[in-house]
């Protein structure tokens, strides 16, 4: 799937992009990887650690369609990871969030079509499901744009799909480095927005592996959602600093108590597979099969029950405090493990290995 391919990653100097590049170079043999990002300092820093001659560092902004068009010349595959992601920042700077997350998505689509890119995979977020904040609303719009893009391909062969997953443990801007920074500074407490708050939990490497697998699974137009555990935020704080007091500070602007990845209103479009869900498009694509029960590698899914919702607060699998410690250690050490390895009893073997 990736051998001898030219691959472009928007937002490629971010946490996900760097892990994706590292995994592609280690496990596959692409002919070229174009790292597309607007932050020249991040480009410079990444170049110091990634010296493979197949890498190209392309400074540019997804808001600039002409620059994207140049960057995608000769590209076979695109991963769209660029986004404005901080919820409170988006609430206070809504126009900037719209320009990056919505206009940027539209520009990626047009550049991909103009250059006859084979496949485009866009990264989404749990906040795009039943959004209550601007970030989630812009990502839902982005998801809809990428799904509908399959209807404007015409006689071309470009396929567009979306991957949606939850909070990435230890990524830049996540709660783990935020807590770590407070602990290292000698804080006398950790701030908790709500005692009942929960989040889906996934590592960067798991996210990368899931995206790579879905390139082979995709028909075009579906949203892929991994089956992952949840954490209770007070448990996370206890796992990281068992002796520190926790103070409730209230929910921040645009923040949810629990996150959703498969909304109840989409249950009639949702299929359950062994390790993931697929939300099929609500629209039909001319000249293409409308069936998403079976994917391109032959895996078969089952229709979920009417009213099904995949919610972090009602998840079947929660990490306990001991598991959170181990999970975070594996994430921080970039240890690769499968989504299925979060089951009870498998962590000890992972640590020993």
C-alpha atoms as a PDB file:
ATOM      1  CA  UNK A   1       0.000   0.000   0.000  1.00  0.00           C
ATOM      2  CA  UNK A   2       2.821   2.413   0.844  1.00  0.00           C
ATOM      3  CA  UNK A   3       5.740   0.892  -1.043  1.00  0.00           C
ATOM      4  CA  UNK A   4       7.286   3.310  -3.543  1.00  0.00           C
ATOM      5  CA  UNK A   5       4.498   5.833  -2.930  1.00  0.00           C
ATOM      6  CA  UNK A   6       4.836   9.596  -2.591  1.00  0.00           C
ATOM      7  CA  UNK A   7       3.059  10.651   0.599  1.00  0.00           C
ATOM      8  CA  UNK A   8       2.177  14.129   1.912  1.00  0.00           C
ATOM      9  CA  UNK A   9       1.258  14.905   5.523  1.00  0.00           C
ATOM     10  CA  UNK A  10      -0.357  18.244   6.323  1.00  0.00           C
ATOM     11  CA  UNK A  11       0.531  19.361   9.826  1.00  0.00           C
ATOM     12  CA  UNK A  12       3.446  16.993   9.389  1.00  0.00           C
ATOM     13  CA  UNK A  13       5.671  18.646  12.016  1.00  0.00           C
ATOM     14  CA  UNK A  14       3.124  18.005  14.790  1.00  0.00           C
ATOM     15  CA  UNK A  15       3.036  15.109  17.234  1.00  0.00           C
ATOM     16  CA  UNK A  16       1.058  12.808  14.938  1.00  0.00           C
ATOM     17  CA  UNK A  17       3.025  13.783  11.825  1.00  0.00           C
ATOM     18  CA  UNK A  18       6.401  12.981  13.366  1.00  0.00           C
ATOM     19  CA  UNK A  19       5.206   9.581  14.583  1.00  0.00           C
ATOM     20  CA  UNK A  20       3.619   8.855  11.212  1.00  0.00           C
ATOM     21  CA  UNK A  21       6.842   9.710   9.371  1.00  0.00           C
ATOM     22  CA  UNK A  22       8.910   7.595  11.743  1.00  0.00           C
ATOM     23  CA  UNK A  23       6.579   4.606  11.329  1.00  0.00           C
ATOM     24  CA  UNK A  24       6.486   4.883   7.529  1.00  0.00           C
ATOM     25  CA  UNK A  25      10.280   5.014   7.294  1.00  0.00           C
ATOM     26  CA  UNK A  26      10.740   2.138   9.728  1.00  0.00           C
ATOM     27  CA  UNK A  27       8.040  -0.262   8.523  1.00  0.00           C
ATOM     28  CA  UNK A  28       7.519   0.652   4.863  1.00  0.00           C
ATOM     29  CA  UNK A  29       9.438   1.879   1.855  1.00  0.00           C
ATOM     30  CA  UNK A  30       7.852   5.053   0.466  1.00  0.00           C
ATOM     31  CA  UNK A  31       9.687   6.796  -2.336  1.00  0.00           C
ATOM     32  CA  UNK A  32       9.059  10.277  -0.888  1.00  0.00           C
ATOM     33  CA  UNK A  33       7.423  11.861   2.158  1.00  0.00           C
ATOM     34  CA  UNK A  34       6.479  15.531   2.000  1.00  0.00           C
ATOM     35  CA  UNK A  35       6.130  17.162   5.422  1.00  0.00           C
ATOM     36  CA  UNK A  36       3.769  20.134   4.978  1.00  0.00           C
ATOM     37  CA  UNK A  37       3.490  22.636   7.837  1.00  0.00           C
ATOM     38  CA  UNK A  38       3.374  26.398   8.352  1.00  0.00           C
ATOM     39  CA  UNK A  39       5.781  26.461  11.340  1.00  0.00           C
ATOM     40  CA  UNK A  40       9.342  26.961  10.086  1.00  0.00           C
ATOM     41  CA  UNK A  41      10.847  26.400  13.547  1.00  0.00           C
ATOM     42  CA  UNK A  42       9.158  23.002  13.805  1.00  0.00           C
ATOM     43  CA  UNK A  43      10.487  22.175  10.339  1.00  0.00           C
ATOM     44  CA  UNK A  44      13.997  23.102  11.467  1.00  0.00           C
ATOM     45  CA  UNK A  45      13.720  21.088  14.678  1.00  0.00           C
ATOM     46  CA  UNK A  46      12.347  18.045  12.843  1.00  0.00           C
ATOM     47  CA  UNK A  47      15.122  18.180  10.250  1.00  0.00           C
ATOM     48  CA  UNK A  48      17.697  17.791  13.025  1.00  0.00           C
ATOM     49  CA  UNK A  49      16.226  14.413  13.999  1.00  0.00           C
ATOM     50  CA  UNK A  50      14.922  13.110  10.665  1.00  0.00           C
ATOM     51  CA  UNK A  51      17.680  12.950   8.073  1.00  0.00           C
ATOM     52  CA  UNK A  52      16.337  10.350   5.662  1.00  0.00           C
ATOM     53  CA  UNK A  53      16.916  11.515   2.048  1.00  0.00           C
ATOM     54  CA  UNK A  54      13.341  10.584   1.125  1.00  0.00           C
ATOM     55  CA  UNK A  55      11.989  13.416   3.282  1.00  0.00           C
ATOM     56  CA  UNK A  56      10.989  16.796   1.858  1.00  0.00           C
ATOM     57  CA  UNK A  57      10.146  19.729   4.140  1.00  0.00           C
ATOM     58  CA  UNK A  58       7.570  22.024   2.577  1.00  0.00           C
ATOM     59  CA  UNK A  59       6.679  25.212   4.449  1.00  0.00           C
ATOM     60  CA  UNK A  60       3.077  26.131   3.743  1.00  0.00           C
ATOM     61  CA  UNK A  61      -0.363  26.738   5.211  1.00  0.00           C
ATOM     62  CA  UNK A  62      -3.497  24.710   4.387  1.00  0.00           C
ATOM     63  CA  UNK A  63      -5.263  28.055   4.028  1.00  0.00           C
ATOM     64  CA  UNK A  64      -3.184  28.629   0.864  1.00  0.00           C
ATOM     65  CA  UNK A  65      -4.678  26.529  -1.948  1.00  0.00           C
ATOM     66  CA  UNK A  66      -1.956  27.447  -4.456  1.00  0.00           C
ATOM     67  CA  UNK A  67       0.787  26.311  -2.085  1.00  0.00           C
ATOM     68  CA  UNK A  68      -1.048  23.042  -1.438  1.00  0.00           C
ATOM     69  CA  UNK A  69      -1.434  22.502  -5.164  1.00  0.00           C
ATOM     70  CA  UNK A  70       2.339  22.822  -5.625  1.00  0.00           C
ATOM     71  CA  UNK A  71       3.074  20.542  -2.684  1.00  0.00           C
ATOM     72  CA  UNK A  72       0.773  17.785  -4.004  1.00  0.00           C
ATOM     73  CA  UNK A  73       2.313  17.477  -7.441  1.00  0.00           C
ATOM     74  CA  UNK A  74       3.283  13.856  -7.934  1.00  0.00           C
ATOM     75  CA  UNK A  75       1.728  12.817  -4.598  1.00  0.00           C
ATOM     76  CA  UNK A  76      -0.090   9.476  -4.306  1.00  0.00           C
ATOM     77  CA  UNK A  77      -1.434   9.631  -0.746  1.00  0.00           C
ATOM     78  CA  UNK A  78      -2.367  12.457   1.626  1.00  0.00           C
ATOM     79  CA  UNK A  79      -2.859  12.422   5.390  1.00  0.00           C
ATOM     80  CA  UNK A  80      -4.584  15.613   6.511  1.00  0.00           C
ATOM     81  CA  UNK A  81      -3.554  16.221  10.126  1.00  0.00           C
ATOM     82  CA  UNK A  82      -3.286  20.029  10.136  1.00  0.00           C
ATOM     83  CA  UNK A  83      -5.829  21.717  12.387  1.00  0.00           C
ATOM     84  CA  UNK A  84      -6.390  24.371  14.991  1.00  0.00           C
ATOM     85  CA  UNK A  85      -7.171  22.119  17.975  1.00  0.00           C
ATOM     86  CA  UNK A  86      -7.299  23.932  21.320  1.00  0.00           C
ATOM     87  CA  UNK A  87     -10.933  24.221  22.399  1.00  0.00           C
ATOM     88  CA  UNK A  88     -10.750  27.444  24.477  1.00  0.00           C
ATOM     89  CA  UNK A  89      -8.471  29.092  21.890  1.00  0.00           C
ATOM     90  CA  UNK A  90     -10.994  28.336  19.156  1.00  0.00           C
ATOM     91  CA  UNK A  91     -13.825  29.763  21.264  1.00  0.00           C
ATOM     92  CA  UNK A  92     -11.978  33.073  21.537  1.00  0.00           C
ATOM     93  CA  UNK A  93     -10.645  33.076  17.947  1.00  0.00           C
ATOM     94  CA  UNK A  94     -13.506  31.540  15.928  1.00  0.00           C
ATOM     95  CA  UNK A  95     -12.622  33.006  12.535  1.00  0.00           C
ATOM     96  CA  UNK A  96      -9.087  31.651  12.687  1.00  0.00           C
ATOM     97  CA  UNK A  97     -10.387  28.187  13.553  1.00  0.00           C
ATOM     98  CA  UNK A  98     -12.846  28.287  10.638  1.00  0.00           C
ATOM     99  CA  UNK A  99     -10.156  29.370   8.176  1.00  0.00           C
ATOM    100  CA  UNK A 100      -7.839  26.537   9.124  1.00  0.00           C
ATOM    101  CA  UNK A 101     -10.246  23.682   9.831  1.00  0.00           C
ATOM    102  CA  UNK A 102     -12.944  24.321   7.216  1.00  0.00           C
ATOM    103  CA  UNK A 103     -11.331  26.411   4.469  1.00  0.00           C
ATOM    104  CA  UNK A 104      -8.150  24.374   4.879  1.00  0.00           C
ATOM    105  CA  UNK A 105     -10.072  21.124   4.427  1.00  0.00           C
ATOM    106  CA  UNK A 106     -11.680  22.452   1.252  1.00  0.00           C
ATOM    107  CA  UNK A 107      -8.256  23.455  -0.073  1.00  0.00           C
ATOM    108  CA  UNK A 108      -6.828  19.993   0.621  1.00  0.00           C
ATOM    109  CA  UNK A 109      -9.724  18.424  -1.296  1.00  0.00           C
ATOM    110  CA  UNK A 110      -9.323  20.692  -4.322  1.00  0.00           C
ATOM    111  CA  UNK A 111      -5.537  20.235  -4.436  1.00  0.00           C
ATOM    112  CA  UNK A 112      -5.917  16.461  -4.186  1.00  0.00           C
ATOM    113  CA  UNK A 113      -8.432  16.380  -7.042  1.00  0.00           C
ATOM    114  CA  UNK A 114      -6.329  18.723  -9.177  1.00  0.00           C
ATOM    115  CA  UNK A 115      -3.312  16.435  -8.778  1.00  0.00           C
ATOM    116  CA  UNK A 116      -5.167  13.106  -9.117  1.00  0.00           C
ATOM    117  CA  UNK A 117      -4.071  11.921  -5.670  1.00  0.00           C
ATOM    118  CA  UNK A 118      -5.056   8.280  -5.091  1.00  0.00           C
ATOM    119  CA  UNK A 119      -6.281   8.441  -1.484  1.00  0.00           C
ATOM    120  CA  UNK A 120      -6.812  11.103   1.175  1.00  0.00           C
ATOM    121  CA  UNK A 121      -7.296  10.278   4.854  1.00  0.00           C
ATOM    122  CA  UNK A 122      -8.411  13.153   7.095  1.00  0.00           C
ATOM    123  CA  UNK A 123      -7.932  13.061  10.865  1.00  0.00           C
ATOM    124  CA  UNK A 124     -10.951  14.008  12.936  1.00  0.00           C
ATOM    125  CA  UNK A 125     -11.733  14.102  16.655  1.00  0.00           C
ATOM    126  CA  UNK A 126     -14.319  12.853  19.119  1.00  0.00           C
ATOM    127  CA  UNK A 127     -15.330  16.491  19.516  1.00  0.00           C
ATOM    128  CA  UNK A 128     -16.797  16.401  15.987  1.00  0.00           C
ATOM    129  CA  UNK A 129     -19.592  14.101  17.185  1.00  0.00           C
ATOM    130  CA  UNK A 130     -22.549  16.102  18.547  1.00  0.00           C
ATOM    131  CA  UNK A 131     -20.310  19.187  18.837  1.00  0.00           C
ATOM    132  CA  UNK A 132     -20.916  21.848  21.465  1.00  0.00           C
ATOM    133  CA  UNK A 133     -17.736  23.856  20.837  1.00  0.00           C
ATOM    134  CA  UNK A 134     -16.455  25.622  17.740  1.00  0.00           C
ATOM    135  CA  UNK A 135     -13.503  23.278  17.300  1.00  0.00           C
ATOM    136  CA  UNK A 136     -15.848  20.286  17.180  1.00  0.00           C
ATOM    137  CA  UNK A 137     -18.234  22.093  14.835  1.00  0.00           C
ATOM    138  CA  UNK A 138     -15.433  22.939  12.399  1.00  0.00           C
ATOM    139  CA  UNK A 139     -14.165  19.358  12.465  1.00  0.00           C
ATOM    140  CA  UNK A 140     -17.662  18.013  11.853  1.00  0.00           C
ATOM    141  CA  UNK A 141     -17.874  20.339   8.861  1.00  0.00           C
ATOM    142  CA  UNK A 142     -14.463  19.118   7.729  1.00  0.00           C
ATOM    143  CA  UNK A 143     -15.623  15.499   8.057  1.00  0.00           C
ATOM    144  CA  UNK A 144     -18.691  16.260   5.926  1.00  0.00           C
ATOM    145  CA  UNK A 145     -16.521  17.947   3.296  1.00  0.00           C
ATOM    146  CA  UNK A 146     -14.191  14.949   2.991  1.00  0.00           C
ATOM    147  CA  UNK A 147     -17.064  12.471   2.856  1.00  0.00           C
ATOM    148  CA  UNK A 148     -18.908  14.496   0.190  1.00  0.00           C
ATOM    149  CA  UNK A 149     -15.683  14.931  -1.796  1.00  0.00           C
ATOM    150  CA  UNK A 150     -16.205  11.382  -3.077  1.00  0.00           C
ATOM    151  CA  UNK A 151     -19.176  12.746  -4.993  1.00  0.00           C
ATOM    152  CA  UNK A 152     -17.167  15.346  -6.934  1.00  0.00           C
ATOM    153  CA  UNK A 153     -14.370  13.058  -8.106  1.00  0.00           C
ATOM    154  CA  UNK A 154     -16.081  12.618 -11.466  1.00  0.00           C
ATOM    155  CA  UNK A 155     -14.111  10.250 -13.682  1.00  0.00           C
ATOM    156  CA  UNK A 156     -11.109  10.436 -11.344  1.00  0.00           C
ATOM    157  CA  UNK A 157     -10.070   7.740  -8.887  1.00  0.00           C
ATOM    158  CA  UNK A 158      -9.376   9.767  -5.720  1.00  0.00           C
ATOM    159  CA  UNK A 159     -10.907   8.317  -2.537  1.00  0.00           C
ATOM    160  CA  UNK A 160     -11.528  10.323   0.647  1.00  0.00           C
ATOM    161  CA  UNK A 161     -12.139   8.903   4.131  1.00  0.00           C
ATOM    162  CA  UNK A 162     -11.913  10.049   7.749  1.00  0.00           C
ATOM    163  CA  UNK A 163     -10.396   8.643  10.947  1.00  0.00           C
ATOM    164  CA  UNK A 164     -11.950   9.812  14.215  1.00  0.00           C
ATOM    165  CA  UNK A 165     -10.419   9.035  17.600  1.00  0.00           C
ATOM    166  CA  UNK A 166     -10.184  10.386  21.146  1.00  0.00           C
ATOM    167  CA  UNK A 167      -7.647  12.201  23.289  1.00  0.00           C
ATOM    168  CA  UNK A 168      -4.075  11.270  22.441  1.00  0.00           C
ATOM    169  CA  UNK A 169      -2.099  10.403  25.544  1.00  0.00           C
ATOM    170  CA  UNK A 170       1.081  12.487  25.940  1.00  0.00           C
ATOM    171  CA  UNK A 171       0.635  14.446  22.704  1.00  0.00           C
ATOM    172  CA  UNK A 172       1.397  18.169  22.650  1.00  0.00           C
ATOM    173  CA  UNK A 173      -1.444  20.086  24.250  1.00  0.00           C
ATOM    174  CA  UNK A 174      -2.990  17.054  25.972  1.00  0.00           C
ATOM    175  CA  UNK A 175      -3.702  16.847  29.688  1.00  0.00           C
ATOM    176  CA  UNK A 176      -0.760  14.502  30.418  1.00  0.00           C
ATOM    177  CA  UNK A 177       2.053  17.003  29.641  1.00  0.00           C
ATOM    178  CA  UNK A 178      -0.076  19.717  31.279  1.00  0.00           C
ATOM    179  CA  UNK A 179      -0.225  17.728  34.534  1.00  0.00           C
ATOM    180  CA  UNK A 180       3.433  16.752  34.163  1.00  0.00           C
ATOM    181  CA  UNK A 181       4.469  20.388  33.869  1.00  0.00           C
ATOM    182  CA  UNK A 182       2.569  21.297  37.047  1.00  0.00           C
ATOM    183  CA  UNK A 183       4.064  18.349  38.931  1.00  0.00           C
ATOM    184  CA  UNK A 184       7.602  19.232  37.832  1.00  0.00           C
ATOM    185  CA  UNK A 185       7.077  22.840  38.955  1.00  0.00           C
ATOM    186  CA  UNK A 186       6.133  21.642  42.430  1.00  0.00           C
ATOM    187  CA  UNK A 187       2.423  22.465  42.310  1.00  0.00           C
ATOM    188  CA  UNK A 188       0.479  21.764  45.501  1.00  0.00           C
ATOM    189  CA  UNK A 189      -2.580  20.488  43.595  1.00  0.00           C
ATOM    190  CA  UNK A 190      -3.832  19.411  40.170  1.00  0.00           C
ATOM    191  CA  UNK A 191      -6.833  21.237  38.647  1.00  0.00           C
ATOM    192  CA  UNK A 192      -9.769  18.995  37.685  1.00  0.00           C
ATOM    193  CA  UNK A 193     -12.583  20.523  35.670  1.00  0.00           C
ATOM    194  CA  UNK A 194     -15.247  18.055  36.894  1.00  0.00           C
ATOM    195  CA  UNK A 195     -15.144  15.039  39.181  1.00  0.00           C
ATOM    196  CA  UNK A 196     -17.109  12.887  36.686  1.00  0.00           C
ATOM    197  CA  UNK A 197     -15.224  13.869  33.520  1.00  0.00           C
ATOM    198  CA  UNK A 198     -14.152  11.035  31.206  1.00  0.00           C
ATOM    199  CA  UNK A 199     -12.202  10.816  27.978  1.00  0.00           C
ATOM    200  CA  UNK A 200     -11.365   8.192  25.371  1.00  0.00           C
ATOM    201  CA  UNK A 201      -7.676   7.291  25.577  1.00  0.00           C
ATOM    202  CA  UNK A 202      -5.264   6.374  22.766  1.00  0.00           C
ATOM    203  CA  UNK A 203      -1.512   6.695  22.224  1.00  0.00           C
ATOM    204  CA  UNK A 204       0.114   8.370  19.248  1.00  0.00           C
ATOM    205  CA  UNK A 205       1.485   5.080  17.991  1.00  0.00           C
ATOM    206  CA  UNK A 206      -1.926   3.437  18.226  1.00  0.00           C
ATOM    207  CA  UNK A 207      -3.404   6.344  16.276  1.00  0.00           C
ATOM    208  CA  UNK A 208      -0.728   6.028  13.596  1.00  0.00           C
ATOM    209  CA  UNK A 209      -1.194   2.266  13.325  1.00  0.00           C
ATOM    210  CA  UNK A 210      -4.976   2.685  13.051  1.00  0.00           C
ATOM    211  CA  UNK A 211      -4.631   5.244  10.244  1.00  0.00           C
ATOM    212  CA  UNK A 212      -2.183   3.014   8.352  1.00  0.00           C
ATOM    213  CA  UNK A 213      -4.542   0.038   8.595  1.00  0.00           C
ATOM    214  CA  UNK A 214      -7.498   2.072   7.366  1.00  0.00           C
ATOM    215  CA  UNK A 215      -5.722   3.030   4.146  1.00  0.00           C
ATOM    216  CA  UNK A 216      -6.106  -0.622   3.224  1.00  0.00           C
ATOM    217  CA  UNK A 217      -9.660  -0.889   4.544  1.00  0.00           C
ATOM    218  CA  UNK A 218     -11.186   2.208   2.970  1.00  0.00           C
ATOM    219  CA  UNK A 219     -13.786   2.235   0.210  1.00  0.00           C
ATOM    220  CA  UNK A 220     -14.127   6.019   0.365  1.00  0.00           C
ATOM    221  CA  UNK A 221     -16.622   8.084   2.332  1.00  0.00           C
ATOM    222  CA  UNK A 222     -16.596   6.215   5.636  1.00  0.00           C
ATOM    223  CA  UNK A 223     -15.527   7.424   9.092  1.00  0.00           C
ATOM    224  CA  UNK A 224     -13.333   4.955  10.991  1.00  0.00           C
ATOM    225  CA  UNK A 225     -13.553   4.885  14.801  1.00  0.00           C
ATOM    226  CA  UNK A 226     -11.255   2.652  16.921  1.00  0.00           C
ATOM    227  CA  UNK A 227     -12.440   0.694  19.940  1.00  0.00           C
ATOM    228  CA  UNK A 228     -10.363   2.200  22.746  1.00  0.00           C
ATOM    229  CA  UNK A 229     -10.625   2.484  26.525  1.00  0.00           C
ATOM    230  CA  UNK A 230     -11.813   5.439  28.577  1.00  0.00           C
ATOM    231  CA  UNK A 231     -10.202   7.120  31.573  1.00  0.00           C
ATOM    232  CA  UNK A 232     -11.730   9.092  34.416  1.00  0.00           C
ATOM    233  CA  UNK A 233      -9.772  12.342  34.683  1.00  0.00           C
ATOM    234  CA  UNK A 234      -9.528  12.183  38.506  1.00  0.00           C
ATOM    235  CA  UNK A 235      -8.051   8.663  38.101  1.00  0.00           C
ATOM    236  CA  UNK A 236      -5.520  10.058  35.637  1.00  0.00           C
ATOM    237  CA  UNK A 237      -4.500  12.742  38.134  1.00  0.00           C
ATOM    238  CA  UNK A 238      -4.179  10.122  40.880  1.00  0.00           C
ATOM    239  CA  UNK A 239      -2.077   7.888  38.624  1.00  0.00           C
ATOM    240  CA  UNK A 240       0.308  10.740  37.861  1.00  0.00           C
ATOM    241  CA  UNK A 241       0.470  12.330  41.325  1.00  0.00           C
ATOM    242  CA  UNK A 242      -1.120  10.159  44.032  1.00  0.00           C
ATOM    243  CA  UNK A 243      -0.074  12.508  46.835  1.00  0.00           C
ATOM    244  CA  UNK A 244      -1.308  15.752  45.293  1.00  0.00           C
ATOM    245  CA  UNK A 245      -4.655  17.299  46.148  1.00  0.00           C
ATOM    246  CA  UNK A 246      -7.186  17.652  43.335  1.00  0.00           C
ATOM    247  CA  UNK A 247      -9.185  20.876  43.087  1.00  0.00           C
ATOM    248  CA  UNK A 248     -12.357  21.199  41.018  1.00  0.00           C
ATOM    249  CA  UNK A 249     -12.131  24.333  38.848  1.00  0.00           C
ATOM    250  CA  UNK A 250     -15.227  23.957  36.653  1.00  0.00           C
ATOM    251  CA  UNK A 251     -15.709  22.992  33.023  1.00  0.00           C
ATOM    252  CA  UNK A 252     -13.858  25.237  30.570  1.00  0.00           C
ATOM    253  CA  UNK A 253     -15.543  27.100  27.657  1.00  0.00           C
ATOM    254  CA  UNK A 254     -16.783  24.588  25.082  1.00  0.00           C
ATOM    255  CA  UNK A 255     -15.776  21.527  27.118  1.00  0.00           C
ATOM    256  CA  UNK A 256     -17.891  18.359  27.437  1.00  0.00           C
ATOM    257  CA  UNK A 257     -18.292  16.122  30.471  1.00  0.00           C
ATOM    258  CA  UNK A 258     -18.029  13.009  28.266  1.00  0.00           C
ATOM    259  CA  UNK A 259     -16.997  12.589  24.641  1.00  0.00           C
ATOM    260  CA  UNK A 260     -18.863  10.742  21.881  1.00  0.00           C
ATOM    261  CA  UNK A 261     -17.340   9.134  18.789  1.00  0.00           C
ATOM    262  CA  UNK A 262     -20.382   7.375  17.285  1.00  0.00           C
ATOM    263  CA  UNK A 263     -23.509   9.505  17.853  1.00  0.00           C
ATOM    264  CA  UNK A 264     -26.880   7.903  18.529  1.00  0.00           C
ATOM    265  CA  UNK A 265     -28.330   9.751  15.528  1.00  0.00           C
ATOM    266  CA  UNK A 266     -25.857   7.902  13.279  1.00  0.00           C
ATOM    267  CA  UNK A 267     -26.641   4.446  14.668  1.00  0.00           C
ATOM    268  CA  UNK A 268     -28.493   3.482  11.478  1.00  0.00           C
ATOM    269  CA  UNK A 269     -25.246   4.147   9.570  1.00  0.00           C
ATOM    270  CA  UNK A 270     -22.848   2.474  12.022  1.00  0.00           C
ATOM    271  CA  UNK A 271     -21.227  -0.948  11.667  1.00  0.00           C
ATOM    272  CA  UNK A 272     -19.262  -2.776  14.343  1.00  0.00           C
ATOM    273  CA  UNK A 273     -16.077  -4.646  13.389  1.00  0.00           C
ATOM    274  CA  UNK A 274     -13.722  -6.574  15.688  1.00  0.00           C
ATOM    275  CA  UNK A 275     -11.558  -3.622  16.734  1.00  0.00           C
ATOM    276  CA  UNK A 276     -13.347  -0.605  15.294  1.00  0.00           C
ATOM    277  CA  UNK A 277     -16.589   0.975  14.115  1.00  0.00           C
ATOM    278  CA  UNK A 278     -17.404   2.420  10.705  1.00  0.00           C
ATOM    279  CA  UNK A 279     -19.893   5.223  10.183  1.00  0.00           C
ATOM    280  CA  UNK A 280     -21.109   4.963   6.597  1.00  0.00           C
ATOM    281  CA  UNK A 281     -21.888   8.129   4.610  1.00  0.00           C
ATOM    282  CA  UNK A 282     -25.466   9.384   4.733  1.00  0.00           C
ATOM    283  CA  UNK A 283     -25.370  10.169   1.009  1.00  0.00           C
ATOM    284  CA  UNK A 284     -24.972   7.853  -1.977  1.00  0.00           C
ATOM    285  CA  UNK A 285     -22.078   8.230  -4.388  1.00  0.00           C
ATOM    286  CA  UNK A 286     -22.897   7.926  -8.039  1.00  0.00           C
ATOM    287  CA  UNK A 287     -21.381   4.833  -9.637  1.00  0.00           C
ATOM    288  CA  UNK A 288     -20.115   3.381  -6.340  1.00  0.00           C
ATOM    289  CA  UNK A 289     -21.346   0.596  -4.090  1.00  0.00           C
ATOM    290  CA  UNK A 290     -23.334   1.790  -1.088  1.00  0.00           C
ATOM    291  CA  UNK A 291     -22.445  -1.211   1.095  1.00  0.00           C
ATOM    292  CA  UNK A 292     -20.025  -0.756   3.995  1.00  0.00           C
ATOM    293  CA  UNK A 293     -20.696  -4.097   5.741  1.00  0.00           C
ATOM    294  CA  UNK A 294     -17.440  -5.431   4.284  1.00  0.00           C
ATOM    295  CA  UNK A 295     -14.261  -3.414   3.806  1.00  0.00           C
ATOM    296  CA  UNK A 296     -11.569  -3.649   1.125  1.00  0.00           C
ATOM    297  CA  UNK A 297      -9.534  -6.293   2.991  1.00  0.00           C
ATOM    298  CA  UNK A 298     -12.536  -8.555   3.534  1.00  0.00           C
ATOM    299  CA  UNK A 299     -13.345  -7.763   7.170  1.00  0.00           C
ATOM    300  CA  UNK A 300     -17.071  -7.990   7.898  1.00  0.00           C
ATOM    301  CA  UNK A 301     -19.047  -5.752  10.228  1.00  0.00           C
ATOM    302  CA  UNK A 302     -22.471  -5.968  11.837  1.00  0.00           C
ATOM    303  CA  UNK A 303     -25.130  -3.290  12.037  1.00  0.00           C
ATOM    304  CA  UNK A 304     -25.323  -1.842  15.570  1.00  0.00           C
ATOM    305  CA  UNK A 305     -28.600  -1.618  17.460  1.00  0.00           C
ATOM    306  CA  UNK A 306     -30.815   1.364  16.816  1.00  0.00           C
ATOM    307  CA  UNK A 307     -29.942   4.079  19.338  1.00  0.00           C
ATOM    308  CA  UNK A 308     -26.365   2.854  19.867  1.00  0.00           C
ATOM    309  CA  UNK A 309     -23.933   5.549  21.016  1.00  0.00           C
ATOM    310  CA  UNK A 310     -20.183   5.169  21.610  1.00  0.00           C
ATOM    311  CA  UNK A 311     -19.693   7.406  24.650  1.00  0.00           C
ATOM    312  CA  UNK A 312     -16.593   7.739  26.864  1.00  0.00           C
ATOM    313  CA  UNK A 313     -18.768   7.840  29.999  1.00  0.00           C
ATOM    314  CA  UNK A 314     -20.631   4.634  29.122  1.00  0.00           C
ATOM    315  CA  UNK A 315     -17.688   2.753  27.615  1.00  0.00           C
ATOM    316  CA  UNK A 316     -17.397  -0.971  28.342  1.00  0.00           C
ATOM    317  CA  UNK A 317     -13.685  -0.570  29.059  1.00  0.00           C
ATOM    318  CA  UNK A 318     -12.144   1.832  31.571  1.00  0.00           C
ATOM    319  CA  UNK A 319      -8.489   1.895  32.580  1.00  0.00           C
ATOM    320  CA  UNK A 320      -7.922   1.667  36.322  1.00  0.00           C
ATOM    321  CA  UNK A 321      -5.204   3.718  38.052  1.00  0.00           C
ATOM    322  CA  UNK A 322      -2.543   1.015  37.686  1.00  0.00           C
ATOM    323  CA  UNK A 323      -3.342   0.569  33.993  1.00  0.00           C
ATOM    324  CA  UNK A 324      -3.258   4.315  33.388  1.00  0.00           C
ATOM    325  CA  UNK A 325       0.293   4.439  34.799  1.00  0.00           C
ATOM    326  CA  UNK A 326       1.417   1.631  32.511  1.00  0.00           C
ATOM    327  CA  UNK A 327      -0.459   3.014  29.500  1.00  0.00           C
ATOM    328  CA  UNK A 328       1.167   6.426  29.960  1.00  0.00           C
ATOM    329  CA  UNK A 329       4.607   4.855  30.350  1.00  0.00           C
ATOM    330  CA  UNK A 330       4.178   2.916  27.122  1.00  0.00           C
ATOM    331  CA  UNK A 331       3.011   6.082  25.358  1.00  0.00           C
ATOM    332  CA  UNK A 332       5.878   8.218  26.632  1.00  0.00           C
ATOM    333  CA  UNK A 333       8.411   5.554  25.625  1.00  0.00           C
ATOM    334  CA  UNK A 334       6.828   5.163  22.161  1.00  0.00           C
ATOM    335  CA  UNK A 335       6.248   1.465  22.838  1.00  0.00           C
ATOM    336  CA  UNK A 336       4.076  -0.009  20.111  1.00  0.00           C
ATOM    337  CA  UNK A 337       1.136  -2.164  21.211  1.00  0.00           C
ATOM    338  CA  UNK A 338      -2.121  -3.163  19.608  1.00  0.00           C
ATOM    339  CA  UNK A 339      -5.493  -1.732  20.533  1.00  0.00           C
ATOM    340  CA  UNK A 340      -6.447  -5.197  21.791  1.00  0.00           C
ATOM    341  CA  UNK A 341      -3.505  -5.131  24.224  1.00  0.00           C
ATOM    342  CA  UNK A 342      -5.375  -2.852  26.605  1.00  0.00           C
ATOM    343  CA  UNK A 343      -7.229  -5.885  27.910  1.00  0.00           C
ATOM    344  CA  UNK A 344      -6.616  -6.893  31.531  1.00  0.00           C
ATOM    345  CA  UNK A 345      -3.477  -8.918  32.180  1.00  0.00           C
ATOM    346  CA  UNK A 346      -1.565  -7.963  29.030  1.00  0.00           C
ATOM    347  CA  UNK A 347       0.161  -4.842  30.331  1.00  0.00           C
ATOM    348  CA  UNK A 348       2.706  -6.673  32.482  1.00  0.00           C
ATOM    349  CA  UNK A 349       4.054  -8.613  29.507  1.00  0.00           C
ATOM    350  CA  UNK A 350       4.332  -5.389  27.509  1.00  0.00           C
ATOM    351  CA  UNK A 351       6.355  -3.712  30.255  1.00  0.00           C
ATOM    352  CA  UNK A 352       8.704  -6.701  30.543  1.00  0.00           C
ATOM    353  CA  UNK A 353       9.286  -6.684  26.800  1.00  0.00           C
END
